[in-house]
Amino acid sequence: MDPIQKLISGADPLRYDTAEAPDADTALRGVLAGPPLFSDSLPANLVPFEERRRRRARLAGGLALAAAAMTAGVLVATNLGPVTSAPAPAGPVAPTASETTPAVSPTPAASRTAPSTPTPTRPAAAVAWTSFTDGTGQATFEHPAGWTISESPQKTQLGAFNTVEVKNPAGKTMATLSLVYDGAGGPACPEPKPFSTLDSVVLDIPQKASKLREFPRGPSAFVFRVIESDKVYGSMALSDIPLDPGTVTCGLDNTILAPDNVPFAHFGDSLWLEASGRAAALTFDSVAEAKAYMQTQEYQDVKRMLVSLELRPSK
């Protein structure tokens, strides 16, 4: 029998009552000497001896069991080590902050700033071009489809000639084509002005051989020239009259020799650009501003139209 069982069995007062048994003679004399009892039941507040003995036994047993339980707990704790709490019952557990949110390392301020991206620009829509042949059948050139053309073809004893005016959608005259059999020089000027050629493209247009012997001419070419006066006056046209760079002029003649059996041809924004700037098609505050104009769409369109000119004898 282990120590716990011995403690529990030894604590049972019904099996091991240590009280001495009462003497029978003494008990009898006490009964006879006391007052007689005639009730067939005991008073309410009188507890029989046997019941009192049983109560004391139960109380003593309870105390003994409690002491035994405490002793058993001490023994179990001594044998098994420190008492640990039982694991919590299985069930949904709220995740911790480290489980729900991934660790993020601090980002430098520079990396948080998104680099600026230039906004892509749409390319300019392609402009449709078309071809035009004048009423005499002697001149053909290209122009933007949105530009309008008016002409005045005529016939004389010398032959057919024509005047063609080209305007943009806003009604601005961009160039005039004149086919003439005779022409006069520009007016005299009291003070020639310096000029310069800012752009030039040589054209493949045949020239009258007889006229080349009569007039000293250079090759037919598209030219953008300016005269520096109180303002800078410019002109875009076809010309074949050579001028020495760095010299001065009273005006710029914008005509070319045409092939045989074709009149003289003028194609540009003015027939004659005067040094005074009177009736000049283009006016600038400086030569640099005139050069900047060469980058505009208007300049590129007019240049392409003038360069496209073709001349041939009338049928």
C-alpha atoms as a PDB file:
ATOM      1  CA  MET A   1       0.000   0.000   0.000  1.00  0.00           C
ATOM      2  CA  ASP A   2       1.457   3.393  -1.047  1.00  0.00           C
ATOM      3  CA  PRO A   3       1.714   6.318   1.422  1.00  0.00           C
ATOM      4  CA  ILE A   4      -1.361   8.132   0.074  1.00  0.00           C
ATOM      5  CA  GLN A   5      -3.651   5.122   0.556  1.00  0.00           C
ATOM      6  CA  LYS A   6      -2.314   4.651   4.123  1.00  0.00           C
ATOM      7  CA  LEU A   7      -3.072   8.274   4.928  1.00  0.00           C
ATOM      8  CA  ILE A   8      -6.630   7.998   3.583  1.00  0.00           C
ATOM      9  CA  SER A   9      -7.406   4.657   5.362  1.00  0.00           C
ATOM     10  CA  GLY A  10      -5.928   5.903   8.613  1.00  0.00           C
ATOM     11  CA  ALA A  11      -8.134   8.968   8.484  1.00  0.00           C
ATOM     12  CA  ASP A  12     -11.397   6.901   8.502  1.00  0.00           C
ATOM     13  CA  PRO A  13     -12.763   7.296  12.063  1.00  0.00           C
ATOM     14  CA  LEU A  14     -15.335   4.518  11.622  1.00  0.00           C
ATOM     15  CA  ARG A  15     -12.618   1.931  11.202  1.00  0.00           C
ATOM     16  CA  TYR A  16     -10.074   3.327  13.644  1.00  0.00           C
ATOM     17  CA  ASP A  17     -11.963   5.107  16.437  1.00  0.00           C
ATOM     18  CA  THR A  18      -9.366   5.971  19.102  1.00  0.00           C
ATOM     19  CA  ALA A  19     -11.930   6.903  21.767  1.00  0.00           C
ATOM     20  CA  GLU A  20     -12.206   4.472  24.786  1.00  0.00           C
ATOM     21  CA  ALA A  21     -15.398   2.372  24.978  1.00  0.00           C
ATOM     22  CA  PRO A  22     -17.677   3.584  27.875  1.00  0.00           C
ATOM     23  CA  ASP A  23     -18.006   1.461  31.029  1.00  0.00           C
ATOM     24  CA  ALA A  24     -21.409  -0.260  31.132  1.00  0.00           C
ATOM     25  CA  ASP A  25     -21.951   0.019  34.928  1.00  0.00           C
ATOM     26  CA  THR A  26     -21.147   3.704  34.930  1.00  0.00           C
ATOM     27  CA  ALA A  27     -23.497   4.348  32.101  1.00  0.00           C
ATOM     28  CA  LEU A  28     -26.330   2.409  33.793  1.00  0.00           C
ATOM     29  CA  ARG A  29     -25.970   4.289  37.056  1.00  0.00           C
ATOM     30  CA  GLY A  30     -26.131   7.574  35.173  1.00  0.00           C
ATOM     31  CA  VAL A  31     -29.381   6.571  33.531  1.00  0.00           C
ATOM     32  CA  LEU A  32     -31.010   5.402  36.727  1.00  0.00           C
ATOM     33  CA  ALA A  33     -29.925   8.455  38.689  1.00  0.00           C
ATOM     34  CA  GLY A  34     -31.232  10.959  36.119  1.00  0.00           C
ATOM     35  CA  PRO A  35     -34.793  12.157  35.783  1.00  0.00           C
ATOM     36  CA  PRO A  36     -37.216   9.789  34.095  1.00  0.00           C
ATOM     37  CA  LEU A  37     -38.010  10.360  30.422  1.00  0.00           C
ATOM     38  CA  PHE A  38     -41.610   9.594  29.258  1.00  0.00           C
ATOM     39  CA  SER A  39     -41.463  10.867  25.673  1.00  0.00           C
ATOM     40  CA  ASP A  40     -41.365   8.398  22.828  1.00  0.00           C
ATOM     41  CA  SER A  41     -39.185  10.926  20.839  1.00  0.00           C
ATOM     42  CA  LEU A  42     -36.098  12.963  21.581  1.00  0.00           C
ATOM     43  CA  PRO A  43     -36.232  16.753  21.880  1.00  0.00           C
ATOM     44  CA  ALA A  44     -35.585  18.657  18.698  1.00  0.00           C
ATOM     45  CA  ASN A  45     -32.339  20.123  19.959  1.00  0.00           C
ATOM     46  CA  LEU A  46     -31.081  16.820  21.329  1.00  0.00           C
ATOM     47  CA  VAL A  47     -28.931  14.888  18.956  1.00  0.00           C
ATOM     48  CA  PRO A  48     -28.531  11.169  19.707  1.00  0.00           C
ATOM     49  CA  PHE A  49     -25.128   9.988  20.679  1.00  0.00           C
ATOM     50  CA  GLU A  50     -24.779   7.764  17.667  1.00  0.00           C
ATOM     51  CA  GLU A  51     -25.550  10.661  15.296  1.00  0.00           C
ATOM     52  CA  ARG A  52     -23.040  12.939  17.053  1.00  0.00           C
ATOM     53  CA  ARG A  53     -20.409  10.257  16.733  1.00  0.00           C
ATOM     54  CA  ARG A  54     -21.101   9.899  13.028  1.00  0.00           C
ATOM     55  CA  ARG A  55     -20.872  13.716  12.491  1.00  0.00           C
ATOM     56  CA  ARG A  56     -17.541  13.873  14.249  1.00  0.00           C
ATOM     57  CA  ALA A  57     -16.364  10.983  12.134  1.00  0.00           C
ATOM     58  CA  ARG A  58     -17.432  12.664   8.872  1.00  0.00           C
ATOM     59  CA  LEU A  59     -15.784  15.967   9.877  1.00  0.00           C
ATOM     60  CA  ALA A  60     -12.567  14.273  10.865  1.00  0.00           C
ATOM     61  CA  GLY A  61     -12.609  12.310   7.600  1.00  0.00           C
ATOM     62  CA  GLY A  62     -13.059  15.459   5.517  1.00  0.00           C
ATOM     63  CA  LEU A  63     -10.155  17.179   7.231  1.00  0.00           C
ATOM     64  CA  ALA A  64      -8.015  14.131   6.738  1.00  0.00           C
ATOM     65  CA  LEU A  65      -8.882  13.943   3.024  1.00  0.00           C
ATOM     66  CA  ALA A  66      -8.011  17.621   2.527  1.00  0.00           C
ATOM     67  CA  ALA A  67      -4.678  17.157   4.244  1.00  0.00           C
ATOM     68  CA  ALA A  68      -4.022  14.074   2.163  1.00  0.00           C
ATOM     69  CA  ALA A  69      -4.844  15.943  -1.063  1.00  0.00           C
ATOM     70  CA  MET A  70      -2.433  18.743  -0.169  1.00  0.00           C
ATOM     71  CA  THR A  71       0.276  16.242   0.649  1.00  0.00           C
ATOM     72  CA  ALA A  72      -0.371  14.425  -2.642  1.00  0.00           C
ATOM     73  CA  GLY A  73      -0.082  17.700  -4.563  1.00  0.00           C
ATOM     74  CA  VAL A  74       3.249  18.444  -2.954  1.00  0.00           C
ATOM     75  CA  LEU A  75       4.522  14.963  -3.770  1.00  0.00           C
ATOM     76  CA  VAL A  76       3.358  15.181  -7.394  1.00  0.00           C
ATOM     77  CA  ALA A  77       4.939  18.622  -7.809  1.00  0.00           C
ATOM     78  CA  THR A  78       8.193  17.353  -6.333  1.00  0.00           C
ATOM     79  CA  ASN A  79       8.302  14.350  -8.655  1.00  0.00           C
ATOM     80  CA  LEU A  80       7.156  16.048 -11.876  1.00  0.00           C
ATOM     81  CA  GLY A  81       8.893  19.451 -11.663  1.00  0.00           C
ATOM     82  CA  PRO A  82       7.293  22.888 -12.079  1.00  0.00           C
ATOM     83  CA  VAL A  83       3.604  22.952 -12.873  1.00  0.00           C
ATOM     84  CA  THR A  84       2.837  24.174 -16.430  1.00  0.00           C
ATOM     85  CA  SER A  85      -0.447  25.531 -17.669  1.00  0.00           C
ATOM     86  CA  ALA A  86      -2.471  23.329 -19.963  1.00  0.00           C
ATOM     87  CA  PRO A  87      -2.460  24.275 -23.661  1.00  0.00           C
ATOM     88  CA  ALA A  88      -5.343  26.424 -24.837  1.00  0.00           C
ATOM     89  CA  PRO A  89      -8.086  24.558 -26.698  1.00  0.00           C
ATOM     90  CA  ALA A  90      -7.793  24.475 -30.477  1.00  0.00           C
ATOM     91  CA  GLY A  91      -9.719  27.156 -32.338  1.00  0.00           C
ATOM     92  CA  PRO A  92      -9.326  30.272 -34.532  1.00  0.00           C
ATOM     93  CA  VAL A  93      -6.561  32.510 -33.262  1.00  0.00           C
ATOM     94  CA  ALA A  94      -6.225  36.180 -34.260  1.00  0.00           C
ATOM     95  CA  PRO A  95      -3.018  36.652 -36.253  1.00  0.00           C
ATOM     96  CA  THR A  96      -0.365  38.901 -34.856  1.00  0.00           C
ATOM     97  CA  ALA A  97       0.872  42.041 -36.571  1.00  0.00           C
ATOM     98  CA  SER A  98       4.030  40.254 -37.723  1.00  0.00           C
ATOM     99  CA  GLU A  99       1.899  37.506 -39.349  1.00  0.00           C
ATOM    100  CA  THR A 100      -0.473  39.815 -41.230  1.00  0.00           C
ATOM    101  CA  THR A 101       1.835  42.605 -42.326  1.00  0.00           C
ATOM    102  CA  PRO A 102       5.078  41.751 -44.144  1.00  0.00           C
ATOM    103  CA  ALA A 103       8.102  43.560 -42.933  1.00  0.00           C
ATOM    104  CA  VAL A 104       8.914  46.522 -45.168  1.00  0.00           C
ATOM    105  CA  SER A 105      12.318  48.077 -45.092  1.00  0.00           C
ATOM    106  CA  PRO A 106      12.331  51.886 -45.091  1.00  0.00           C
ATOM    107  CA  THR A 107      12.606  53.355 -48.579  1.00  0.00           C
ATOM    108  CA  PRO A 108      14.881  56.328 -49.201  1.00  0.00           C
ATOM    109  CA  ALA A 109      13.017  59.517 -50.015  1.00  0.00           C
ATOM    110  CA  ALA A 110      14.661  59.721 -53.439  1.00  0.00           C
ATOM    111  CA  SER A 111      13.305  56.313 -54.509  1.00  0.00           C
ATOM    112  CA  ARG A 112       9.749  57.266 -53.522  1.00  0.00           C
ATOM    113  CA  THR A 113       9.716  60.138 -55.988  1.00  0.00           C
ATOM    114  CA  ALA A 114       8.517  58.924 -59.369  1.00  0.00           C
ATOM    115  CA  PRO A 115      10.684  60.143 -62.246  1.00  0.00           C
ATOM    116  CA  SER A 116       8.977  62.632 -64.473  1.00  0.00           C
ATOM    117  CA  THR A 117       8.044  61.280 -67.834  1.00  0.00           C
ATOM    118  CA  PRO A 118       7.674  63.575 -70.725  1.00  0.00           C
ATOM    119  CA  THR A 119       4.275  63.563 -72.226  1.00  0.00           C
ATOM    120  CA  PRO A 120       4.461  62.010 -75.673  1.00  0.00           C
ATOM    121  CA  THR A 121       3.489  64.487 -78.437  1.00  0.00           C
ATOM    122  CA  ARG A 122       1.279  63.425 -81.293  1.00  0.00           C
ATOM    123  CA  PRO A 123       2.894  63.639 -84.696  1.00  0.00           C
ATOM    124  CA  ALA A 124       1.379  66.266 -86.954  1.00  0.00           C
ATOM    125  CA  ALA A 125      -1.237  64.864 -89.275  1.00  0.00           C
ATOM    126  CA  ALA A 126       0.020  64.426 -92.835  1.00  0.00           C
ATOM    127  CA  VAL A 127      -1.264  67.150 -95.182  1.00  0.00           C
ATOM    128  CA  ALA A 128      -2.638  65.953 -98.506  1.00  0.00           C
ATOM    129  CA  TRP A 129      -1.058  67.499-101.588  1.00  0.00           C
ATOM    130  CA  THR A 130      -2.365  67.764-105.124  1.00  0.00           C
ATOM    131  CA  SER A 131      -1.077  68.823-108.530  1.00  0.00           C
ATOM    132  CA  PHE A 132      -2.212  71.789-110.618  1.00  0.00           C
ATOM    133  CA  THR A 133      -1.676  72.637-114.287  1.00  0.00           C
ATOM    134  CA  ASP A 134      -2.506  76.140-115.484  1.00  0.00           C
ATOM    135  CA  GLY A 135      -5.004  76.939-118.219  1.00  0.00           C
ATOM    136  CA  THR A 136      -2.335  77.372-120.898  1.00  0.00           C
ATOM    137  CA  GLY A 137      -0.818  73.968-120.172  1.00  0.00           C
ATOM    138  CA  GLN A 138       2.656  75.512-119.755  1.00  0.00           C
ATOM    139  CA  ALA A 139       3.082  75.315-115.949  1.00  0.00           C
ATOM    140  CA  THR A 140       2.475  72.533-113.423  1.00  0.00           C
ATOM    141  CA  PHE A 141       3.180  72.543-109.690  1.00  0.00           C
ATOM    142  CA  GLU A 142       2.095  70.874-106.444  1.00  0.00           C
ATOM    143  CA  HIS A 143       0.294  72.541-103.518  1.00  0.00           C
ATOM    144  CA  PRO A 144      -1.545  71.543-100.305  1.00  0.00           C
ATOM    145  CA  ALA A 145      -5.034  70.260-101.102  1.00  0.00           C
ATOM    146  CA  GLY A 146      -6.649  72.869 -98.825  1.00  0.00           C
ATOM    147  CA  TRP A 147      -5.194  75.815-100.747  1.00  0.00           C
ATOM    148  CA  THR A 148      -7.234  77.535-103.444  1.00  0.00           C
ATOM    149  CA  ILE A 149      -6.145  78.689-106.909  1.00  0.00           C
ATOM    150  CA  SER A 150      -7.471  81.365-109.220  1.00  0.00           C
ATOM    151  CA  GLU A 151      -6.083  82.130-112.678  1.00  0.00           C
ATOM    152  CA  SER A 152      -6.469  84.486-115.638  1.00  0.00           C
ATOM    153  CA  PRO A 153      -5.187  82.821-118.822  1.00  0.00           C
ATOM    154  CA  GLN A 154      -4.926  85.031-121.963  1.00  0.00           C
ATOM    155  CA  LYS A 155      -3.752  84.806-125.513  1.00  0.00           C
ATOM    156  CA  THR A 156      -2.101  87.598-127.527  1.00  0.00           C
ATOM    157  CA  GLN A 157      -0.217  87.834-130.769  1.00  0.00           C
ATOM    158  CA  LEU A 158       2.940  86.961-128.833  1.00  0.00           C
ATOM    159  CA  GLY A 159       1.435  83.794-127.452  1.00  0.00           C
ATOM    160  CA  ALA A 160      -0.375  82.455-124.378  1.00  0.00           C
ATOM    161  CA  PHE A 161       0.346  83.804-120.946  1.00  0.00           C
ATOM    162  CA  ASN A 162      -1.299  83.496-117.577  1.00  0.00           C
ATOM    163  CA  THR A 163      -1.444  84.756-113.990  1.00  0.00           C
ATOM    164  CA  VAL A 164      -2.155  82.260-111.211  1.00  0.00           C
ATOM    165  CA  GLU A 165      -2.726  83.206-107.571  1.00  0.00           C
ATOM    166  CA  VAL A 166      -2.429  80.644-104.744  1.00  0.00           C
ATOM    167  CA  LYS A 167      -4.066  81.274-101.349  1.00  0.00           C
ATOM    168  CA  ASN A 168      -4.141  79.311 -98.112  1.00  0.00           C
ATOM    169  CA  PRO A 169      -7.433  78.464 -96.283  1.00  0.00           C
ATOM    170  CA  ALA A 170      -7.218  81.778 -94.375  1.00  0.00           C
ATOM    171  CA  GLY A 171      -7.240  83.725 -97.675  1.00  0.00           C
ATOM    172  CA  LYS A 172      -3.570  84.780 -97.491  1.00  0.00           C
ATOM    173  CA  THR A 173      -1.767  84.900-100.864  1.00  0.00           C
ATOM    174  CA  MET A 174       1.145  82.430-100.630  1.00  0.00           C
ATOM    175  CA  ALA A 175       2.544  82.864-104.157  1.00  0.00           C
ATOM    176  CA  THR A 176       1.778  84.191-107.622  1.00  0.00           C
ATOM    177  CA  LEU A 177       2.783  82.559-110.902  1.00  0.00           C
ATOM    178  CA  SER A 178       3.150  84.942-113.856  1.00  0.00           C
ATOM    179  CA  LEU A 179       4.029  83.875-117.406  1.00  0.00           C
ATOM    180  CA  VAL A 180       4.978  87.060-119.298  1.00  0.00           C
ATOM    181  CA  TYR A 181       6.688  87.836-122.613  1.00  0.00           C
ATOM    182  CA  ASP A 182       8.225  91.069-121.518  1.00  0.00           C
ATOM    183  CA  GLY A 183       9.249  92.701-118.304  1.00  0.00           C
ATOM    184  CA  ALA A 184      10.761  95.884-116.938  1.00  0.00           C
ATOM    185  CA  GLY A 185      13.391  96.408-114.260  1.00  0.00           C
ATOM    186  CA  GLY A 186      12.690  97.747-110.795  1.00  0.00           C
ATOM    187  CA  PRO A 187      12.541 101.409-109.885  1.00  0.00           C
ATOM    188  CA  ALA A 188      15.685 103.397-109.105  1.00  0.00           C
ATOM    189  CA  CYS A 189      16.615 103.663-105.434  1.00  0.00           C
ATOM    190  CA  PRO A 190      18.529 106.502-103.786  1.00  0.00           C
ATOM    191  CA  GLU A 191      20.275 104.234-101.273  1.00  0.00           C
ATOM    192  CA  PRO A 192      21.081 100.538-101.935  1.00  0.00           C
ATOM    193  CA  LYS A 193      20.908  98.183 -98.965  1.00  0.00           C
ATOM    194  CA  PRO A 194      22.847  95.046 -98.029  1.00  0.00           C
ATOM    195  CA  PHE A 195      21.184  91.711 -98.740  1.00  0.00           C
ATOM    196  CA  SER A 196      21.855  88.034 -98.061  1.00  0.00           C
ATOM    197  CA  THR A 197      20.642  84.654 -99.299  1.00  0.00           C
ATOM    198  CA  LEU A 198      19.469  82.425 -96.429  1.00  0.00           C
ATOM    199  CA  ASP A 199      18.318  79.397 -98.474  1.00  0.00           C
ATOM    200  CA  SER A 200      18.816  78.214-102.063  1.00  0.00           C
ATOM    201  CA  VAL A 201      17.877  75.103-104.107  1.00  0.00           C
ATOM    202  CA  VAL A 202      18.938  74.778-107.786  1.00  0.00           C
ATOM    203  CA  LEU A 203      16.130  73.592-110.097  1.00  0.00           C
ATOM    204  CA  ASP A 204      16.273  71.521-113.267  1.00  0.00           C
ATOM    205  CA  ILE A 205      14.429  73.940-115.549  1.00  0.00           C
ATOM    206  CA  PRO A 206      15.754  74.422-119.097  1.00  0.00           C
ATOM    207  CA  GLN A 207      16.532  77.996-120.181  1.00  0.00           C
ATOM    208  CA  LYS A 208      16.239  79.707-123.557  1.00  0.00           C
ATOM    209  CA  ALA A 209      19.611  79.495-125.267  1.00  0.00           C
ATOM    210  CA  SER A 210      19.081  82.748-127.151  1.00  0.00           C
ATOM    211  CA  LYS A 211      18.274  84.625-123.992  1.00  0.00           C
ATOM    212  CA  LEU A 212      21.296  83.214-122.174  1.00  0.00           C
ATOM    213  CA  ARG A 213      23.509  84.826-124.817  1.00  0.00           C
ATOM    214  CA  GLU A 214      21.708  88.109-124.297  1.00  0.00           C
ATOM    215  CA  PHE A 215      21.486  88.148-120.494  1.00  0.00           C
ATOM    216  CA  PRO A 216      24.067  86.892-118.017  1.00  0.00           C
ATOM    217  CA  ARG A 217      22.024  84.428-115.934  1.00  0.00           C
ATOM    218  CA  GLY A 218      22.742  81.764-113.399  1.00  0.00           C
ATOM    219  CA  PRO A 219      20.819  78.489-113.021  1.00  0.00           C
ATOM    220  CA  SER A 220      17.161  78.680-112.073  1.00  0.00           C
ATOM    221  CA  ALA A 221      16.846  78.258-108.310  1.00  0.00           C
ATOM    222  CA  PHE A 222      14.538  78.626-105.359  1.00  0.00           C
ATOM    223  CA  VAL A 223      15.893  81.392-103.082  1.00  0.00           C
ATOM    224  CA  PHE A 224      14.979  82.913 -99.736  1.00  0.00           C
ATOM    225  CA  ARG A 225      16.670  86.321 -99.567  1.00  0.00           C
ATOM    226  CA  VAL A 226      16.474  89.316 -97.247  1.00  0.00           C
ATOM    227  CA  ILE A 227      17.343  93.017 -97.509  1.00  0.00           C
ATOM    228  CA  GLU A 228      18.525  94.740 -94.338  1.00  0.00           C
ATOM    229  CA  SER A 229      16.958  98.195 -94.183  1.00  0.00           C
ATOM    230  CA  ASP A 230      15.027  99.888 -91.358  1.00  0.00           C
ATOM    231  CA  LYS A 231      13.527  96.384 -91.012  1.00  0.00           C
ATOM    232  CA  VAL A 232      14.581  93.082 -92.497  1.00  0.00           C
ATOM    233  CA  TYR A 233      12.477  92.430 -95.593  1.00  0.00           C
ATOM    234  CA  GLY A 234      12.320  88.974 -97.120  1.00  0.00           C
ATOM    235  CA  SER A 235      11.171  87.201-100.269  1.00  0.00           C
ATOM    236  CA  MET A 236      10.641  83.543-101.286  1.00  0.00           C
ATOM    237  CA  ALA A 237      10.703  83.073-105.063  1.00  0.00           C
ATOM    238  CA  LEU A 238      12.436  81.564-108.090  1.00  0.00           C
ATOM    239  CA  SER A 239      15.311  83.558-109.563  1.00  0.00           C
ATOM    240  CA  ASP A 240      18.321  83.089-111.846  1.00  0.00           C
ATOM    241  CA  ILE A 241      19.888  86.581-111.593  1.00  0.00           C
ATOM    242  CA  PRO A 242      23.288  86.269-109.902  1.00  0.00           C
ATOM    243  CA  LEU A 243      24.276  88.742-107.190  1.00  0.00           C
ATOM    244  CA  ASP A 244      27.638  88.961-105.475  1.00  0.00           C
ATOM    245  CA  PRO A 245      27.432  88.167-101.757  1.00  0.00           C
ATOM    246  CA  GLY A 246      28.300  91.048 -99.438  1.00  0.00           C
ATOM    247  CA  THR A 247      27.194  93.715-101.884  1.00  0.00           C
ATOM    248  CA  VAL A 248      24.246  96.066-101.772  1.00  0.00           C
ATOM    249  CA  THR A 249      21.170  96.232-103.987  1.00  0.00           C
ATOM    250  CA  CYS A 250      18.265  98.493-104.795  1.00  0.00           C
ATOM    251  CA  GLY A 251      15.954  95.474-105.125  1.00  0.00           C
ATOM    252  CA  LEU A 252      15.729  91.767-105.853  1.00  0.00           C
ATOM    253  CA  ASP A 253      14.355  90.564-109.206  1.00  0.00           C
ATOM    254  CA  ASN A 254      12.318  87.334-108.946  1.00  0.00           C
ATOM    255  CA  THR A 255      12.111  85.961-112.507  1.00  0.00           C
ATOM    256  CA  ILE A 256      13.653  83.048-114.410  1.00  0.00           C
ATOM    257  CA  LEU A 257      14.320  82.297-118.063  1.00  0.00           C
ATOM    258  CA  ALA A 258      11.873  79.666-119.240  1.00  0.00           C
ATOM    259  CA  PRO A 259      12.488  76.975-121.883  1.00  0.00           C
ATOM    260  CA  ASP A 260      12.178  77.855-125.558  1.00  0.00           C
ATOM    261  CA  ASN A 261       8.669  78.823-126.634  1.00  0.00           C
ATOM    262  CA  VAL A 262       7.692  79.565-123.014  1.00  0.00           C
ATOM    263  CA  PRO A 263       7.339  83.089-121.636  1.00  0.00           C
ATOM    264  CA  PHE A 264       9.466  84.465-118.831  1.00  0.00           C
ATOM    265  CA  ALA A 265       8.265  83.006-115.542  1.00  0.00           C
ATOM    266  CA  HIS A 266       7.828  84.565-112.193  1.00  0.00           C
ATOM    267  CA  PHE A 267       6.842  82.285-109.270  1.00  0.00           C
ATOM    268  CA  GLY A 268       7.020  83.603-105.732  1.00  0.00           C
ATOM    269  CA  ASP A 269       5.614  86.027-103.191  1.00  0.00           C
ATOM    270  CA  SER A 270       6.695  89.154-105.102  1.00  0.00           C
ATOM    271  CA  LEU A 271       7.956  90.068-108.558  1.00  0.00           C
ATOM    272  CA  TRP A 272      10.389  92.666-107.239  1.00  0.00           C
ATOM    273  CA  LEU A 273      11.506  93.183-103.624  1.00  0.00           C
ATOM    274  CA  GLU A 274      12.381  96.852-103.103  1.00  0.00           C
ATOM    275  CA  ALA A 275      15.154  97.917-100.703  1.00  0.00           C
ATOM    276  CA  SER A 276      12.685 100.251 -98.994  1.00  0.00           C
ATOM    277  CA  GLY A 277      10.487  97.260 -98.157  1.00  0.00           C
ATOM    278  CA  ARG A 278       7.468  98.705 -99.920  1.00  0.00           C
ATOM    279  CA  ALA A 279       4.887  95.960-100.505  1.00  0.00           C
ATOM    280  CA  ALA A 280       7.260  93.343 -99.057  1.00  0.00           C
ATOM    281  CA  ALA A 281       5.582  89.995 -98.430  1.00  0.00           C
ATOM    282  CA  LEU A 282       7.719  89.204 -95.360  1.00  0.00           C
ATOM    283  CA  THR A 283       8.968  91.599 -92.676  1.00  0.00           C
ATOM    284  CA  PHE A 284      11.192  90.680 -89.703  1.00  0.00           C
ATOM    285  CA  ASP A 285      12.837  92.536 -86.841  1.00  0.00           C
ATOM    286  CA  SER A 286      16.195  90.811 -87.408  1.00  0.00           C
ATOM    287  CA  VAL A 287      18.007  88.322 -89.607  1.00  0.00           C
ATOM    288  CA  ALA A 288      17.828  85.801 -86.744  1.00  0.00           C
ATOM    289  CA  GLU A 289      14.031  86.068 -86.806  1.00  0.00           C
ATOM    290  CA  ALA A 290      14.065  85.498 -90.579  1.00  0.00           C
ATOM    291  CA  LYS A 291      16.152  82.345 -90.054  1.00  0.00           C
ATOM    292  CA  ALA A 292      13.710  81.142 -87.406  1.00  0.00           C
ATOM    293  CA  TYR A 293      10.861  81.529 -89.917  1.00  0.00           C
ATOM    294  CA  MET A 294      12.529  78.877 -92.044  1.00  0.00           C
ATOM    295  CA  GLN A 295      11.546  76.286 -89.398  1.00  0.00           C
ATOM    296  CA  THR A 296       7.811  76.987 -89.707  1.00  0.00           C
ATOM    297  CA  GLN A 297       5.335  74.790 -91.553  1.00  0.00           C
ATOM    298  CA  GLU A 298       4.304  77.726 -93.747  1.00  0.00           C
ATOM    299  CA  TYR A 299       7.846  78.198 -94.991  1.00  0.00           C
ATOM    300  CA  GLN A 300       8.258  74.479 -95.706  1.00  0.00           C
ATOM    301  CA  ASP A 301       4.969  74.312 -97.629  1.00  0.00           C
ATOM    302  CA  VAL A 302       5.718  77.359 -99.796  1.00  0.00           C
ATOM    303  CA  LYS A 303       9.231  76.122-100.515  1.00  0.00           C
ATOM    304  CA  ARG A 304       7.981  72.691-101.600  1.00  0.00           C
ATOM    305  CA  MET A 305       5.385  74.287-103.891  1.00  0.00           C
ATOM    306  CA  LEU A 306       7.892  76.611-105.594  1.00  0.00           C
ATOM    307  CA  VAL A 307      10.499  73.885-106.068  1.00  0.00           C
ATOM    308  CA  SER A 308       7.932  71.610-107.767  1.00  0.00           C
ATOM    309  CA  LEU A 309       7.383  73.963-110.749  1.00  0.00           C
ATOM    310  CA  GLU A 310       7.665  72.452-114.218  1.00  0.00           C
ATOM    311  CA  LEU A 311       7.591  74.532-117.442  1.00  0.00           C
ATOM    312  CA  ARG A 312       7.008  73.340-121.008  1.00  0.00           C
ATOM    313  CA  PRO A 313       5.849  74.869-124.330  1.00  0.00           C
ATOM    314  CA  SER A 314       2.120  75.087-124.909  1.00  0.00           C
ATOM    315  CA  LYS A 315       0.617  72.633-127.389  1.00  0.00           C
END
